[in-house]
Amino acid sequence: MTTARAAAAALALVLVALVSARVVAHGLRPGVLTVIEQDPGVFLVVWTEPVDTAGRGAPVEISFPDPCQPARIDHATAGERLDCGAQGLHGAIELHGLDGDRARVATLVRFADGRVIEALVDGEAPHVELARPLGRSAAAWIGSGIEHIATGFDHIAFVVGLMLVVGTRSLRPLIATITAFTVAHSVTLFLAATGVLTLASAPVEATIAASVVLVAREATHDRPTLTRRAPWAVAFGFGLVHGLGFAGALASAGMPEGWLGWSLLCFNLGVELGQLAIVLASVLLVRVLGERPRQWLRRPAAYATGGLAVYWLLQRVVPMLTAITAGS
């Protein structure tokens, strides 16, 4: 490595140290609220609070309109009885405590007469209006998928790492690699949505960080490793894990069958649209810069990506090891 490249790589690592504490990777873990009418005016409430990547819960309190009892729920529940009497459930369900920028609650209200209200609630509009059925909020879930890829920096880092390994000189291998990652991501979402595959969140998130470390390391050399000979295979394998990053949280939250699959389908579409935008923007940038700047920047970019990935990996593995040690 030349002196200039070494200096650039050192600068990249310094920047990683400065920004790593501010970077949140794959932090979207929405809360899930389902309210299902079982008898006239009587509902079953299932509530799972939002959590972040580190497993910290967000204290959210739910308020139901009069005359429903209980009027408030401030704890997670696998099935609490909500009695709204002969008047039924009308007005609005309020959610208090959605103060974080990315706090979300996936809400489903299903009435005995077949009406369905679905909403993805955030702090800007922390309520669900019950006056009319909203149907299935495809646009909201697609938008959430785009937001997830735009703010899920470990997912972006993995895609960028794949591009550093494959290169952009020939689009065919790049398209094949990204397509393999997309297919694998979609397969995992489907398996999770149908309950075929469920894994604990913590090791999944740690493996996602490890996958970024791998592709970043592979981008620093030109040796004919498996990643370089068959990048599509590596992308497919780790794509299966990345797909669990979101699907696992919703699949384990007790959501009614049918609704989960639709939401994940729309969310996945948003993820892929966001991913495609990142790839196209990166390819255009490389073409504008030309060959020499691209070669000069490859190693520093790989070091910066790998440095962040190591930070994420330690951030996720250390709590798991601490919990194991404490339990032994």
C-alpha atoms as a PDB file:
ATOM      1  CA  MET A   1       0.000   0.000   0.000  1.00  0.00           C
ATOM      2  CA  THR A   2       1.397   3.447  -0.894  1.00  0.00           C
ATOM      3  CA  THR A   3       1.900   6.148   1.735  1.00  0.00           C
ATOM      4  CA  ALA A   4      -1.073   8.072   0.348  1.00  0.00           C
ATOM      5  CA  ARG A   5      -3.323   5.031   0.557  1.00  0.00           C
ATOM      6  CA  ALA A   6      -2.130   4.248   4.073  1.00  0.00           C
ATOM      7  CA  ALA A   7      -2.895   7.797   5.156  1.00  0.00           C
ATOM      8  CA  ALA A   8      -6.329   7.637   3.569  1.00  0.00           C
ATOM      9  CA  ALA A   9      -7.035   4.326   5.288  1.00  0.00           C
ATOM     10  CA  ALA A  10      -5.937   5.745   8.650  1.00  0.00           C
ATOM     11  CA  LEU A  11      -8.201   8.744   8.097  1.00  0.00           C
ATOM     12  CA  ALA A  12     -11.096   6.407   7.307  1.00  0.00           C
ATOM     13  CA  LEU A  13     -10.575   4.545  10.582  1.00  0.00           C
ATOM     14  CA  VAL A  14     -10.434   7.812  12.521  1.00  0.00           C
ATOM     15  CA  LEU A  15     -13.744   8.822  10.973  1.00  0.00           C
ATOM     16  CA  VAL A  16     -15.188   5.459  11.969  1.00  0.00           C
ATOM     17  CA  ALA A  17     -14.152   6.056  15.572  1.00  0.00           C
ATOM     18  CA  LEU A  18     -15.744   9.497  15.542  1.00  0.00           C
ATOM     19  CA  VAL A  19     -19.094   8.508  14.044  1.00  0.00           C
ATOM     20  CA  SER A  20     -19.574   4.935  15.283  1.00  0.00           C
ATOM     21  CA  ALA A  21     -21.311   5.997  18.471  1.00  0.00           C
ATOM     22  CA  ARG A  22     -23.856   7.911  16.409  1.00  0.00           C
ATOM     23  CA  VAL A  23     -24.548   5.205  13.864  1.00  0.00           C
ATOM     24  CA  VAL A  24     -27.508   2.901  14.515  1.00  0.00           C
ATOM     25  CA  ALA A  25     -27.643  -0.215  12.362  1.00  0.00           C
ATOM     26  CA  HIS A  26     -30.762  -2.249  11.708  1.00  0.00           C
ATOM     27  CA  GLY A  27     -32.522  -0.577  14.648  1.00  0.00           C
ATOM     28  CA  LEU A  28     -36.094  -0.969  13.433  1.00  0.00           C
ATOM     29  CA  ARG A  29     -38.058  -3.248  15.730  1.00  0.00           C
ATOM     30  CA  PRO A  30     -41.651  -2.031  15.677  1.00  0.00           C
ATOM     31  CA  GLY A  31     -44.121  -2.707  18.416  1.00  0.00           C
ATOM     32  CA  VAL A  32     -47.118  -4.806  17.440  1.00  0.00           C
ATOM     33  CA  LEU A  33     -50.670  -4.192  18.643  1.00  0.00           C
ATOM     34  CA  THR A  34     -53.553  -6.438  17.626  1.00  0.00           C
ATOM     35  CA  VAL A  35     -57.129  -5.911  18.802  1.00  0.00           C
ATOM     36  CA  ILE A  36     -59.455  -8.719  17.702  1.00  0.00           C
ATOM     37  CA  GLU A  37     -63.197  -8.754  18.434  1.00  0.00           C
ATOM     38  CA  GLN A  38     -64.193 -12.160  19.791  1.00  0.00           C
ATOM     39  CA  ASP A  39     -67.720 -11.406  21.038  1.00  0.00           C
ATOM     40  CA  PRO A  40     -69.889  -8.299  20.513  1.00  0.00           C
ATOM     41  CA  GLY A  41     -67.995  -5.465  22.212  1.00  0.00           C
ATOM     42  CA  VAL A  42     -65.348  -7.801  23.662  1.00  0.00           C
ATOM     43  CA  PHE A  43     -61.826  -7.816  22.183  1.00  0.00           C
ATOM     44  CA  LEU A  44     -58.608  -9.740  22.706  1.00  0.00           C
ATOM     45  CA  VAL A  45     -55.568  -7.433  22.919  1.00  0.00           C
ATOM     46  CA  VAL A  46     -52.051  -8.657  22.128  1.00  0.00           C
ATOM     47  CA  TRP A  47     -49.317  -6.060  22.655  1.00  0.00           C
ATOM     48  CA  THR A  48     -45.564  -6.284  22.042  1.00  0.00           C
ATOM     49  CA  GLU A  49     -43.538  -3.149  22.812  1.00  0.00           C
ATOM     50  CA  PRO A  50     -41.036  -1.657  20.329  1.00  0.00           C
ATOM     51  CA  VAL A  51     -37.407  -2.616  20.945  1.00  0.00           C
ATOM     52  CA  ASP A  52     -34.127  -1.465  19.427  1.00  0.00           C
ATOM     53  CA  THR A  53     -31.253  -3.594  18.170  1.00  0.00           C
ATOM     54  CA  ALA A  54     -29.754  -3.884  21.647  1.00  0.00           C
ATOM     55  CA  GLY A  55     -33.030  -5.245  22.988  1.00  0.00           C
ATOM     56  CA  ARG A  56     -34.022  -2.153  24.957  1.00  0.00           C
ATOM     57  CA  GLY A  57     -37.782  -1.700  25.153  1.00  0.00           C
ATOM     58  CA  ALA A  58     -39.613   1.569  24.574  1.00  0.00           C
ATOM     59  CA  PRO A  59     -42.219   2.282  27.287  1.00  0.00           C
ATOM     60  CA  VAL A  60     -45.415   2.898  25.326  1.00  0.00           C
ATOM     61  CA  GLU A  61     -48.836   3.249  26.952  1.00  0.00           C
ATOM     62  CA  ILE A  62     -52.027   2.471  25.035  1.00  0.00           C
ATOM     63  CA  SER A  63     -55.267   4.338  25.741  1.00  0.00           C
ATOM     64  CA  PHE A  64     -58.637   2.998  24.612  1.00  0.00           C
ATOM     65  CA  PRO A  65     -61.734   5.191  24.179  1.00  0.00           C
ATOM     66  CA  ASP A  66     -64.665   5.197  26.632  1.00  0.00           C
ATOM     67  CA  PRO A  67     -66.349   3.034  27.776  1.00  0.00           C
ATOM     68  CA  CYS A  68     -63.678   0.382  27.137  1.00  0.00           C
ATOM     69  CA  GLN A  69     -62.130  -1.326  30.167  1.00  0.00           C
ATOM     70  CA  PRO A  70     -59.287  -1.397  30.887  1.00  0.00           C
ATOM     71  CA  ALA A  71     -58.887   2.189  29.666  1.00  0.00           C
ATOM     72  CA  ARG A  72     -55.087   1.869  29.528  1.00  0.00           C
ATOM     73  CA  ILE A  73     -52.476  -0.842  28.965  1.00  0.00           C
ATOM     74  CA  ASP A  74     -48.884  -0.037  29.921  1.00  0.00           C
ATOM     75  CA  HIS A  75     -47.302  -3.488  29.744  1.00  0.00           C
ATOM     76  CA  ALA A  76     -46.745  -6.188  27.139  1.00  0.00           C
ATOM     77  CA  THR A  77     -49.490  -8.791  27.051  1.00  0.00           C
ATOM     78  CA  ALA A  78     -50.090 -12.002  25.150  1.00  0.00           C
ATOM     79  CA  GLY A  79     -53.866 -11.726  25.466  1.00  0.00           C
ATOM     80  CA  GLU A  80     -55.763  -9.222  27.617  1.00  0.00           C
ATOM     81  CA  ARG A  81     -59.547  -8.884  27.577  1.00  0.00           C
ATOM     82  CA  LEU A  82     -60.882  -5.495  26.465  1.00  0.00           C
ATOM     83  CA  ASP A  83     -64.580  -4.949  27.199  1.00  0.00           C
ATOM     84  CA  CYS A  84     -66.210  -2.028  25.382  1.00  0.00           C
ATOM     85  CA  GLY A  85     -69.796  -2.996  26.204  1.00  0.00           C
ATOM     86  CA  ALA A  86     -72.793  -2.682  23.907  1.00  0.00           C
ATOM     87  CA  GLN A  87     -71.477   0.578  22.456  1.00  0.00           C
ATOM     88  CA  GLY A  88     -68.481  -1.219  20.993  1.00  0.00           C
ATOM     89  CA  LEU A  89     -65.068   0.146  20.082  1.00  0.00           C
ATOM     90  CA  HIS A  90     -65.324   3.654  18.582  1.00  0.00           C
ATOM     91  CA  GLY A  91     -63.233   6.817  18.454  1.00  0.00           C
ATOM     92  CA  ALA A  92     -59.444   6.427  18.494  1.00  0.00           C
ATOM     93  CA  ILE A  93     -56.757   4.312  20.098  1.00  0.00           C
ATOM     94  CA  GLU A  94     -53.970   6.548  21.448  1.00  0.00           C
ATOM     95  CA  LEU A  95     -50.339   5.488  21.860  1.00  0.00           C
ATOM     96  CA  HIS A  96     -48.286   7.527  24.332  1.00  0.00           C
ATOM     97  CA  GLY A  97     -44.485   7.396  24.407  1.00  0.00           C
ATOM     98  CA  LEU A  98     -43.564   7.113  20.720  1.00  0.00           C
ATOM     99  CA  ASP A  99     -40.924   9.807  21.039  1.00  0.00           C
ATOM    100  CA  GLY A 100     -38.028   8.188  19.176  1.00  0.00           C
ATOM    101  CA  ASP A 101     -37.336   9.069  15.566  1.00  0.00           C
ATOM    102  CA  ARG A 102     -37.817   5.469  14.470  1.00  0.00           C
ATOM    103  CA  ALA A 103     -40.331   4.156  17.013  1.00  0.00           C
ATOM    104  CA  ARG A 104     -43.162   2.403  15.179  1.00  0.00           C
ATOM    105  CA  VAL A 105     -46.172   0.330  16.150  1.00  0.00           C
ATOM    106  CA  ALA A 106     -47.803  -1.983  13.619  1.00  0.00           C
ATOM    107  CA  THR A 107     -51.487  -1.926  14.542  1.00  0.00           C
ATOM    108  CA  LEU A 108     -54.292  -4.217  13.485  1.00  0.00           C
ATOM    109  CA  VAL A 109     -57.917  -3.897  14.634  1.00  0.00           C
ATOM    110  CA  ARG A 110     -60.291  -6.593  13.386  1.00  0.00           C
ATOM    111  CA  PHE A 111     -64.036  -6.436  14.054  1.00  0.00           C
ATOM    112  CA  ALA A 112     -66.429  -9.377  14.097  1.00  0.00           C
ATOM    113  CA  ASP A 113     -68.310  -7.950  11.081  1.00  0.00           C
ATOM    114  CA  GLY A 114     -65.172  -8.250   8.924  1.00  0.00           C
ATOM    115  CA  ARG A 115     -63.947  -4.662   9.112  1.00  0.00           C
ATOM    116  CA  VAL A 116     -60.160  -4.401   9.301  1.00  0.00           C
ATOM    117  CA  ILE A 117     -58.126  -1.362  10.280  1.00  0.00           C
ATOM    118  CA  GLU A 118     -54.398  -1.510   9.724  1.00  0.00           C
ATOM    119  CA  ALA A 119     -51.896   1.234  10.407  1.00  0.00           C
ATOM    120  CA  LEU A 120     -48.180   1.786  10.980  1.00  0.00           C
ATOM    121  CA  VAL A 121     -48.216   4.316  13.816  1.00  0.00           C
ATOM    122  CA  ASP A 122     -45.340   6.668  14.704  1.00  0.00           C
ATOM    123  CA  GLY A 123     -44.737   9.668  16.946  1.00  0.00           C
ATOM    124  CA  GLU A 124     -46.021  12.163  14.389  1.00  0.00           C
ATOM    125  CA  ALA A 125     -49.527  10.673  14.452  1.00  0.00           C
ATOM    126  CA  PRO A 126     -49.651   8.435  17.556  1.00  0.00           C
ATOM    127  CA  HIS A 127     -53.231   7.276  17.185  1.00  0.00           C
ATOM    128  CA  VAL A 128     -55.471   4.969  15.171  1.00  0.00           C
ATOM    129  CA  GLU A 129     -58.811   6.385  14.071  1.00  0.00           C
ATOM    130  CA  LEU A 130     -61.579   3.760  14.219  1.00  0.00           C
ATOM    131  CA  ALA A 131     -64.248   5.635  12.249  1.00  0.00           C
ATOM    132  CA  ARG A 132     -63.619   3.800   9.003  1.00  0.00           C
ATOM    133  CA  PRO A 133     -61.577   0.815   7.828  1.00  0.00           C
ATOM    134  CA  LEU A 134     -58.214   1.862   6.442  1.00  0.00           C
ATOM    135  CA  GLY A 135     -57.588  -1.399   4.663  1.00  0.00           C
ATOM    136  CA  ARG A 136     -54.074  -2.652   4.178  1.00  0.00           C
ATOM    137  CA  SER A 137     -51.560   0.197   4.262  1.00  0.00           C
ATOM    138  CA  ALA A 138     -49.292  -0.910   1.427  1.00  0.00           C
ATOM    139  CA  ALA A 139     -47.807   2.545   0.909  1.00  0.00           C
ATOM    140  CA  ALA A 140     -46.904   2.843   4.597  1.00  0.00           C
ATOM    141  CA  TRP A 141     -45.117  -0.514   4.616  1.00  0.00           C
ATOM    142  CA  ILE A 142     -43.291   0.222   1.338  1.00  0.00           C
ATOM    143  CA  GLY A 143     -42.196   3.550   2.772  1.00  0.00           C
ATOM    144  CA  SER A 144     -41.062   1.808   5.948  1.00  0.00           C
ATOM    145  CA  GLY A 145     -38.992  -0.620   3.865  1.00  0.00           C
ATOM    146  CA  ILE A 146     -37.312   2.255   2.035  1.00  0.00           C
ATOM    147  CA  GLU A 147     -36.624   3.961   5.370  1.00  0.00           C
ATOM    148  CA  HIS A 148     -35.237   0.721   6.773  1.00  0.00           C
ATOM    149  CA  ILE A 149     -32.651   0.355   4.015  1.00  0.00           C
ATOM    150  CA  ALA A 150     -31.856   4.087   4.084  1.00  0.00           C
ATOM    151  CA  THR A 151     -31.190   4.096   7.850  1.00  0.00           C
ATOM    152  CA  GLY A 152     -30.128   0.460   8.330  1.00  0.00           C
ATOM    153  CA  PHE A 153     -26.435   1.180   7.886  1.00  0.00           C
ATOM    154  CA  ASP A 154     -25.292  -2.428   8.280  1.00  0.00           C
ATOM    155  CA  HIS A 155     -27.515  -3.436   5.358  1.00  0.00           C
ATOM    156  CA  ILE A 156     -26.122  -0.581   3.244  1.00  0.00           C
ATOM    157  CA  ALA A 157     -22.587  -1.503   4.311  1.00  0.00           C
ATOM    158  CA  PHE A 158     -23.082  -5.104   3.174  1.00  0.00           C
ATOM    159  CA  VAL A 159     -24.355  -4.006  -0.232  1.00  0.00           C
ATOM    160  CA  VAL A 160     -21.471  -1.535  -0.589  1.00  0.00           C
ATOM    161  CA  GLY A 161     -19.040  -4.259   0.457  1.00  0.00           C
ATOM    162  CA  LEU A 162     -20.402  -6.564  -2.245  1.00  0.00           C
ATOM    163  CA  MET A 163     -19.935  -3.814  -4.802  1.00  0.00           C
ATOM    164  CA  LEU A 164     -16.337  -3.262  -3.656  1.00  0.00           C
ATOM    165  CA  VAL A 165     -15.640  -6.972  -4.103  1.00  0.00           C
ATOM    166  CA  VAL A 166     -17.407  -7.434  -7.447  1.00  0.00           C
ATOM    167  CA  GLY A 167     -16.644  -4.018  -8.923  1.00  0.00           C
ATOM    168  CA  THR A 168     -18.726  -2.018 -11.352  1.00  0.00           C
ATOM    169  CA  ARG A 169     -16.641  -2.405 -14.500  1.00  0.00           C
ATOM    170  CA  SER A 170     -18.949  -5.193 -15.686  1.00  0.00           C
ATOM    171  CA  LEU A 171     -22.589  -4.945 -14.643  1.00  0.00           C
ATOM    172  CA  ARG A 172     -23.476  -8.611 -15.231  1.00  0.00           C
ATOM    173  CA  PRO A 173     -21.687 -10.085 -12.153  1.00  0.00           C
ATOM    174  CA  LEU A 174     -22.871  -7.129 -10.042  1.00  0.00           C
ATOM    175  CA  ILE A 175     -26.482  -7.654 -11.086  1.00  0.00           C
ATOM    176  CA  ALA A 176     -26.201 -11.401 -10.443  1.00  0.00           C
ATOM    177  CA  THR A 177     -24.764 -10.800  -6.964  1.00  0.00           C
ATOM    178  CA  ILE A 178     -27.347  -8.204  -5.925  1.00  0.00           C
ATOM    179  CA  THR A 179     -30.144 -10.360  -7.375  1.00  0.00           C
ATOM    180  CA  ALA A 180     -28.968 -13.360  -5.324  1.00  0.00           C
ATOM    181  CA  PHE A 181     -29.008 -11.211  -2.207  1.00  0.00           C
ATOM    182  CA  THR A 182     -32.518  -9.969  -3.026  1.00  0.00           C
ATOM    183  CA  VAL A 183     -33.869 -13.465  -3.675  1.00  0.00           C
ATOM    184  CA  ALA A 184     -32.407 -14.775  -0.428  1.00  0.00           C
ATOM    185  CA  HIS A 185     -33.797 -11.831   1.506  1.00  0.00           C
ATOM    186  CA  SER A 186     -37.250 -12.484   0.063  1.00  0.00           C
ATOM    187  CA  VAL A 187     -37.104 -16.214   0.792  1.00  0.00           C
ATOM    188  CA  THR A 188     -36.335 -15.580   4.449  1.00  0.00           C
ATOM    189  CA  LEU A 189     -39.150 -13.063   4.742  1.00  0.00           C
ATOM    190  CA  PHE A 190     -41.577 -15.619   3.353  1.00  0.00           C
ATOM    191  CA  LEU A 191     -40.359 -18.374   5.678  1.00  0.00           C
ATOM    192  CA  ALA A 192     -40.581 -16.089   8.686  1.00  0.00           C
ATOM    193  CA  ALA A 193     -44.026 -14.829   7.681  1.00  0.00           C
ATOM    194  CA  THR A 194     -45.374 -18.378   7.483  1.00  0.00           C
ATOM    195  CA  GLY A 195     -43.739 -19.409  10.755  1.00  0.00           C
ATOM    196  CA  VAL A 196     -41.502 -22.017   9.103  1.00  0.00           C
ATOM    197  CA  LEU A 197     -38.288 -20.382  10.315  1.00  0.00           C
ATOM    198  CA  THR A 198     -37.804 -18.504  13.574  1.00  0.00           C
ATOM    199  CA  LEU A 199     -34.490 -17.507  15.142  1.00  0.00           C
ATOM    200  CA  ALA A 200     -33.531 -15.353  18.111  1.00  0.00           C
ATOM    201  CA  SER A 201     -32.840 -11.738  17.210  1.00  0.00           C
ATOM    202  CA  ALA A 202     -29.487 -11.272  18.975  1.00  0.00           C
ATOM    203  CA  PRO A 203     -27.440 -13.915  17.078  1.00  0.00           C
ATOM    204  CA  VAL A 204     -29.078 -12.864  13.804  1.00  0.00           C
ATOM    205  CA  GLU A 205     -27.982  -9.259  14.305  1.00  0.00           C
ATOM    206  CA  ALA A 206     -24.465 -10.388  15.266  1.00  0.00           C
ATOM    207  CA  THR A 207     -24.233 -12.524  12.121  1.00  0.00           C
ATOM    208  CA  ILE A 208     -25.352  -9.564  10.003  1.00  0.00           C
ATOM    209  CA  ALA A 209     -22.480  -7.516  11.420  1.00  0.00           C
ATOM    210  CA  ALA A 210     -20.065 -10.417  10.805  1.00  0.00           C
ATOM    211  CA  SER A 211     -21.193 -10.593   7.170  1.00  0.00           C
ATOM    212  CA  VAL A 212     -20.174  -6.958   6.688  1.00  0.00           C
ATOM    213  CA  VAL A 213     -16.769  -7.675   8.264  1.00  0.00           C
ATOM    214  CA  LEU A 214     -16.273 -10.510   5.774  1.00  0.00           C
ATOM    215  CA  VAL A 215     -17.089  -8.582   2.606  1.00  0.00           C
ATOM    216  CA  ALA A 216     -15.061  -5.586   3.807  1.00  0.00           C
ATOM    217  CA  ARG A 217     -12.046  -7.849   4.379  1.00  0.00           C
ATOM    218  CA  GLU A 218     -12.477  -9.458   0.961  1.00  0.00           C
ATOM    219  CA  ALA A 219     -12.530  -6.016  -0.661  1.00  0.00           C
ATOM    220  CA  THR A 220      -8.977  -5.270   0.555  1.00  0.00           C
ATOM    221  CA  HIS A 221      -7.299  -7.883  -1.669  1.00  0.00           C
ATOM    222  CA  ASP A 222      -7.561  -9.600  -5.055  1.00  0.00           C
ATOM    223  CA  ARG A 223      -6.894 -13.211  -4.048  1.00  0.00           C
ATOM    224  CA  PRO A 224      -9.201 -15.813  -5.682  1.00  0.00           C
ATOM    225  CA  THR A 225     -11.213 -16.657  -2.557  1.00  0.00           C
ATOM    226  CA  LEU A 226     -14.722 -18.106  -2.616  1.00  0.00           C
ATOM    227  CA  THR A 227     -16.177 -14.626  -2.186  1.00  0.00           C
ATOM    228  CA  ARG A 228     -14.390 -13.460  -5.328  1.00  0.00           C
ATOM    229  CA  ARG A 229     -14.995 -16.634  -7.340  1.00  0.00           C
ATOM    230  CA  ALA A 230     -18.680 -16.887  -6.463  1.00  0.00           C
ATOM    231  CA  PRO A 231     -19.850 -13.614  -4.877  1.00  0.00           C
ATOM    232  CA  TRP A 232     -23.454 -14.478  -5.705  1.00  0.00           C
ATOM    233  CA  ALA A 233     -23.252 -17.560  -3.445  1.00  0.00           C
ATOM    234  CA  VAL A 234     -21.902 -15.556  -0.520  1.00  0.00           C
ATOM    235  CA  ALA A 235     -24.520 -12.861  -1.142  1.00  0.00           C
ATOM    236  CA  PHE A 236     -27.281 -15.483  -1.157  1.00  0.00           C
ATOM    237  CA  GLY A 237     -26.091 -17.130   2.051  1.00  0.00           C
ATOM    238  CA  PHE A 238     -25.847 -13.919   4.021  1.00  0.00           C
ATOM    239  CA  GLY A 239     -28.998 -12.570   2.382  1.00  0.00           C
ATOM    240  CA  LEU A 240     -30.923 -15.283   4.189  1.00  0.00           C
ATOM    241  CA  VAL A 241     -29.644 -13.920   7.495  1.00  0.00           C
ATOM    242  CA  HIS A 242     -30.247 -10.273   6.594  1.00  0.00           C
ATOM    243  CA  GLY A 243     -33.859 -11.095   5.802  1.00  0.00           C
ATOM    244  CA  LEU A 244     -34.373 -12.254   9.371  1.00  0.00           C
ATOM    245  CA  GLY A 245     -33.244  -8.855  10.651  1.00  0.00           C
ATOM    246  CA  PHE A 246     -36.772  -7.507  10.249  1.00  0.00           C
ATOM    247  CA  ALA A 247     -38.960 -10.565   9.731  1.00  0.00           C
ATOM    248  CA  GLY A 248     -37.999 -12.212  13.014  1.00  0.00           C
ATOM    249  CA  ALA A 249     -39.336  -9.362  15.124  1.00  0.00           C
ATOM    250  CA  LEU A 250     -42.783  -9.384  13.555  1.00  0.00           C
ATOM    251  CA  ALA A 251     -42.995 -13.150  13.159  1.00  0.00           C
ATOM    252  CA  SER A 252     -42.513 -13.632  16.913  1.00  0.00           C
ATOM    253  CA  ALA A 253     -45.027 -10.975  17.899  1.00  0.00           C
ATOM    254  CA  GLY A 254     -48.186 -13.074  17.560  1.00  0.00           C
ATOM    255  CA  MET A 255     -49.705 -11.235  14.606  1.00  0.00           C
ATOM    256  CA  PRO A 256     -52.760 -12.802  12.946  1.00  0.00           C
ATOM    257  CA  GLU A 257     -52.117 -15.074  10.004  1.00  0.00           C
ATOM    258  CA  GLY A 258     -52.430 -13.397   6.604  1.00  0.00           C
ATOM    259  CA  TRP A 259     -51.725  -9.856   7.749  1.00  0.00           C
ATOM    260  CA  LEU A 260     -48.061 -10.528   8.486  1.00  0.00           C
ATOM    261  CA  GLY A 261     -47.365 -11.911   5.022  1.00  0.00           C
ATOM    262  CA  TRP A 262     -48.895  -8.882   3.302  1.00  0.00           C
ATOM    263  CA  SER A 263     -47.000  -6.411   5.484  1.00  0.00           C
ATOM    264  CA  LEU A 264     -43.684  -8.162   4.950  1.00  0.00           C
ATOM    265  CA  LEU A 265     -44.296  -8.358   1.200  1.00  0.00           C
ATOM    266  CA  CYS A 266     -44.819  -4.597   0.999  1.00  0.00           C
ATOM    267  CA  PHE A 267     -41.940  -3.926   3.366  1.00  0.00           C
ATOM    268  CA  ASN A 268     -39.655  -6.137   1.293  1.00  0.00           C
ATOM    269  CA  LEU A 269     -40.649  -4.266  -1.861  1.00  0.00           C
ATOM    270  CA  GLY A 270     -39.640  -1.026  -0.164  1.00  0.00           C
ATOM    271  CA  VAL A 271     -36.313  -2.541   0.903  1.00  0.00           C
ATOM    272  CA  GLU A 272     -35.534  -3.664  -2.619  1.00  0.00           C
ATOM    273  CA  LEU A 273     -36.486  -0.286  -4.103  1.00  0.00           C
ATOM    274  CA  GLY A 274     -34.172   1.420  -1.624  1.00  0.00           C
ATOM    275  CA  GLN A 275     -31.418  -1.098  -2.299  1.00  0.00           C
ATOM    276  CA  LEU A 276     -31.730  -0.583  -6.057  1.00  0.00           C
ATOM    277  CA  ALA A 277     -31.459   3.180  -5.597  1.00  0.00           C
ATOM    278  CA  ILE A 278     -28.243   2.738  -3.574  1.00  0.00           C
ATOM    279  CA  VAL A 279     -26.706   0.466  -6.214  1.00  0.00           C
ATOM    280  CA  LEU A 280     -27.628   2.773  -9.098  1.00  0.00           C
ATOM    281  CA  ALA A 281     -26.321   5.844  -7.272  1.00  0.00           C
ATOM    282  CA  SER A 282     -23.046   4.051  -6.460  1.00  0.00           C
ATOM    283  CA  VAL A 283     -22.557   2.880 -10.046  1.00  0.00           C
ATOM    284  CA  LEU A 284     -23.204   6.372 -11.396  1.00  0.00           C
ATOM    285  CA  LEU A 285     -20.747   7.869  -8.879  1.00  0.00           C
ATOM    286  CA  VAL A 286     -18.022   5.401  -9.864  1.00  0.00           C
ATOM    287  CA  ARG A 287     -18.587   6.082 -13.553  1.00  0.00           C
ATOM    288  CA  VAL A 288     -18.304   9.820 -12.965  1.00  0.00           C
ATOM    289  CA  LEU A 289     -15.123   9.508 -10.877  1.00  0.00           C
ATOM    290  CA  GLY A 290     -13.366   7.257 -13.384  1.00  0.00           C
ATOM    291  CA  GLU A 291     -11.028   4.278 -12.952  1.00  0.00           C
ATOM    292  CA  ARG A 292      -8.094   5.836 -11.067  1.00  0.00           C
ATOM    293  CA  PRO A 293     -10.092   7.453  -8.213  1.00  0.00           C
ATOM    294  CA  ARG A 294     -12.106   4.245  -7.911  1.00  0.00           C
ATOM    295  CA  GLN A 295      -8.966   2.144  -7.404  1.00  0.00           C
ATOM    296  CA  TRP A 296      -7.496   4.680  -4.962  1.00  0.00           C
ATOM    297  CA  LEU A 297     -10.659   4.790  -2.842  1.00  0.00           C
ATOM    298  CA  ARG A 298     -11.372   1.049  -2.717  1.00  0.00           C
ATOM    299  CA  ARG A 299      -9.117   0.157   0.212  1.00  0.00           C
ATOM    300  CA  PRO A 300     -10.008   3.171   2.405  1.00  0.00           C
ATOM    301  CA  ALA A 301     -13.691   2.491   1.752  1.00  0.00           C
ATOM    302  CA  ALA A 302     -13.192  -1.171   2.693  1.00  0.00           C
ATOM    303  CA  TYR A 303     -11.350  -0.227   5.900  1.00  0.00           C
ATOM    304  CA  ALA A 304     -14.042   2.266   6.878  1.00  0.00           C
ATOM    305  CA  THR A 305     -16.796  -0.280   6.196  1.00  0.00           C
ATOM    306  CA  GLY A 306     -14.933  -3.004   8.079  1.00  0.00           C
ATOM    307  CA  GLY A 307     -14.212  -0.717  11.022  1.00  0.00           C
ATOM    308  CA  LEU A 308     -17.893   0.100  11.464  1.00  0.00           C
ATOM    309  CA  ALA A 309     -18.794  -3.559  11.095  1.00  0.00           C
ATOM    310  CA  VAL A 310     -16.342  -4.583  13.835  1.00  0.00           C
ATOM    311  CA  TYR A 311     -17.886  -1.932  16.092  1.00  0.00           C
ATOM    312  CA  TRP A 312     -21.381  -3.306  15.389  1.00  0.00           C
ATOM    313  CA  LEU A 313     -20.181  -6.872  15.940  1.00  0.00           C
ATOM    314  CA  LEU A 314     -18.698  -6.061  19.351  1.00  0.00           C
ATOM    315  CA  GLN A 315     -21.785  -4.036  20.247  1.00  0.00           C
ATOM    316  CA  ARG A 316     -23.974  -7.080  19.608  1.00  0.00           C
ATOM    317  CA  VAL A 317     -21.761  -9.943  20.767  1.00  0.00           C
ATOM    318  CA  VAL A 318     -20.676  -8.478  24.115  1.00  0.00           C
ATOM    319  CA  PRO A 319     -24.251  -8.303  25.550  1.00  0.00           C
ATOM    320  CA  MET A 320     -24.858 -11.906  24.455  1.00  0.00           C
ATOM    321  CA  LEU A 321     -21.648 -13.097  26.130  1.00  0.00           C
ATOM    322  CA  THR A 322     -22.489 -11.087  29.238  1.00  0.00           C
ATOM    323  CA  ALA A 323     -25.934 -12.689  29.419  1.00  0.00           C
ATOM    324  CA  ILE A 324     -24.448 -16.184  28.934  1.00  0.00           C
ATOM    325  CA  THR A 325     -21.834 -15.577  31.619  1.00  0.00           C
ATOM    326  CA  ALA A 326     -24.425 -14.192  34.037  1.00  0.00           C
ATOM    327  CA  GLY A 327     -26.678 -17.199  33.494  1.00  0.00           C
ATOM    328  CA  SER A 328     -23.958 -19.806  33.962  1.00  0.00           C
END
